[in-house]
Amino acid sequence: MRTLLIKYGELTTKGENREEFINLLSKNIRNILKDYNPKIIKNRVRMYISGDDIDAMANKLKKVFGIHG
């Protein structure tokens, strides 16, 4: 199983509501990847997404606002 590394970009500069923005990004990622049943691990500065079809998931993630890289 391969893993994608997601960088948040400006979300890490947010103050007290940083966690709210990260949770919203995680929810958006889950929604767009619902057909792939991904495993998502998140922390303050990065998110790791594991699954069986990483290439297809990476393609879909290009449409998600808030992902820096």
C-alpha atoms as a PDB file:
ATOM      1  CA  MET A   1       0.000   0.000   0.000  1.00  0.00           C
ATOM      2  CA  ARG A   2       1.406   3.392  -1.029  1.00  0.00           C
ATOM      3  CA  THR A   3       0.943   6.703   0.790  1.00  0.00           C
ATOM      4  CA  LEU A   4       0.363  10.271  -0.360  1.00  0.00           C
ATOM      5  CA  LEU A   5       1.848  13.169   1.601  1.00  0.00           C
ATOM      6  CA  ILE A   6      -0.403  16.246   1.673  1.00  0.00           C
ATOM      7  CA  LYS A   7       1.038  19.637   2.651  1.00  0.00           C
ATOM      8  CA  TYR A   8      -1.422  22.241   3.924  1.00  0.00           C
ATOM      9  CA  GLY A   9       0.318  25.438   2.887  1.00  0.00           C
ATOM     10  CA  GLU A  10      -1.181  28.512   4.537  1.00  0.00           C
ATOM     11  CA  LEU A  11      -3.396  26.459   6.867  1.00  0.00           C
ATOM     12  CA  THR A  12      -0.395  26.020   9.148  1.00  0.00           C
ATOM     13  CA  THR A  13      -0.166  29.788   9.678  1.00  0.00           C
ATOM     14  CA  LYS A  14      -3.695  30.046  11.070  1.00  0.00           C
ATOM     15  CA  GLY A  15      -4.049  30.742  14.783  1.00  0.00           C
ATOM     16  CA  GLU A  16      -6.513  29.204  17.190  1.00  0.00           C
ATOM     17  CA  ASN A  17      -8.785  27.873  14.435  1.00  0.00           C
ATOM     18  CA  ARG A  18      -6.073  25.900  12.609  1.00  0.00           C
ATOM     19  CA  GLU A  19      -7.580  22.582  13.707  1.00  0.00           C
ATOM     20  CA  GLU A  20     -10.968  23.615  12.322  1.00  0.00           C
ATOM     21  CA  PHE A  21      -9.431  24.306   8.898  1.00  0.00           C
ATOM     22  CA  ILE A  22      -7.500  21.015   8.947  1.00  0.00           C
ATOM     23  CA  ASN A  23     -10.650  19.091   9.888  1.00  0.00           C
ATOM     24  CA  LEU A  24     -12.576  20.783   7.073  1.00  0.00           C
ATOM     25  CA  LEU A  25      -9.842  19.884   4.583  1.00  0.00           C
ATOM     26  CA  SER A  26      -9.884  16.290   5.852  1.00  0.00           C
ATOM     27  CA  LYS A  27     -13.676  16.162   5.429  1.00  0.00           C
ATOM     28  CA  ASN A  28     -13.403  17.496   1.863  1.00  0.00           C
ATOM     29  CA  ILE A  29     -10.741  14.907   1.055  1.00  0.00           C
ATOM     30  CA  ARG A  30     -12.864  12.088   2.500  1.00  0.00           C
ATOM     31  CA  ASN A  31     -15.834  13.238   0.415  1.00  0.00           C
ATOM     32  CA  ILE A  32     -13.919  13.336  -2.855  1.00  0.00           C
ATOM     33  CA  LEU A  33     -12.199   9.990  -2.155  1.00  0.00           C
ATOM     34  CA  LYS A  34     -15.238   8.148  -0.746  1.00  0.00           C
ATOM     35  CA  ASP A  35     -15.102   5.531  -3.523  1.00  0.00           C
ATOM     36  CA  TYR A  36     -11.516   4.580  -2.586  1.00  0.00           C
ATOM     37  CA  ASN A  37     -11.965   4.085   1.187  1.00  0.00           C
ATOM     38  CA  PRO A  38      -8.709   5.879   2.087  1.00  0.00           C
ATOM     39  CA  LYS A  39      -6.910   5.751   5.415  1.00  0.00           C
ATOM     40  CA  ILE A  40      -6.190   9.344   6.497  1.00  0.00           C
ATOM     41  CA  ILE A  41      -3.753  10.371   9.226  1.00  0.00           C
ATOM     42  CA  LYS A  42      -3.428  14.084   9.964  1.00  0.00           C
ATOM     43  CA  ASN A  43      -1.265  16.262  12.166  1.00  0.00           C
ATOM     44  CA  ARG A  44      -0.501  19.992  12.478  1.00  0.00           C
ATOM     45  CA  VAL A  45       1.440  20.348   9.229  1.00  0.00           C
ATOM     46  CA  ARG A  46       0.777  17.299   7.056  1.00  0.00           C
ATOM     47  CA  MET A  47      -1.733  14.648   6.158  1.00  0.00           C
ATOM     48  CA  TYR A  48      -0.978  11.111   5.027  1.00  0.00           C
ATOM     49  CA  ILE A  49      -3.424   9.255   2.800  1.00  0.00           C
ATOM     50  CA  SER A  50      -3.031   5.537   2.169  1.00  0.00           C
ATOM     51  CA  GLY A  51      -4.993   3.357  -0.170  1.00  0.00           C
ATOM     52  CA  ASP A  52      -4.939   0.873  -2.996  1.00  0.00           C
ATOM     53  CA  ASP A  53      -5.270   3.220  -5.990  1.00  0.00           C
ATOM     54  CA  ILE A  54      -2.960   6.114  -5.090  1.00  0.00           C
ATOM     55  CA  ASP A  55      -2.628   7.377  -8.669  1.00  0.00           C
ATOM     56  CA  ALA A  56      -6.388   7.796  -9.104  1.00  0.00           C
ATOM     57  CA  MET A  57      -6.700   9.400  -5.669  1.00  0.00           C
ATOM     58  CA  ALA A  58      -3.879  11.847  -6.432  1.00  0.00           C
ATOM     59  CA  ASN A  59      -5.667  12.810  -9.624  1.00  0.00           C
ATOM     60  CA  LYS A  60      -8.891  13.559  -7.735  1.00  0.00           C
ATOM     61  CA  LEU A  61      -7.063  15.532  -5.030  1.00  0.00           C
ATOM     62  CA  LYS A  62      -5.946  18.090  -7.612  1.00  0.00           C
ATOM     63  CA  LYS A  63      -9.470  19.529  -7.338  1.00  0.00           C
ATOM     64  CA  VAL A  64      -9.423  20.017  -3.542  1.00  0.00           C
ATOM     65  CA  PHE A  65      -8.925  23.583  -2.345  1.00  0.00           C
ATOM     66  CA  GLY A  66      -6.395  23.983   0.484  1.00  0.00           C
ATOM     67  CA  ILE A  67      -3.801  21.437  -0.607  1.00  0.00           C
ATOM     68  CA  HIS A  68      -0.434  23.088  -1.139  1.00  0.00           C
ATOM     69  CA  GLY A  69       1.479  20.118  -2.425  1.00  0.00           C
END
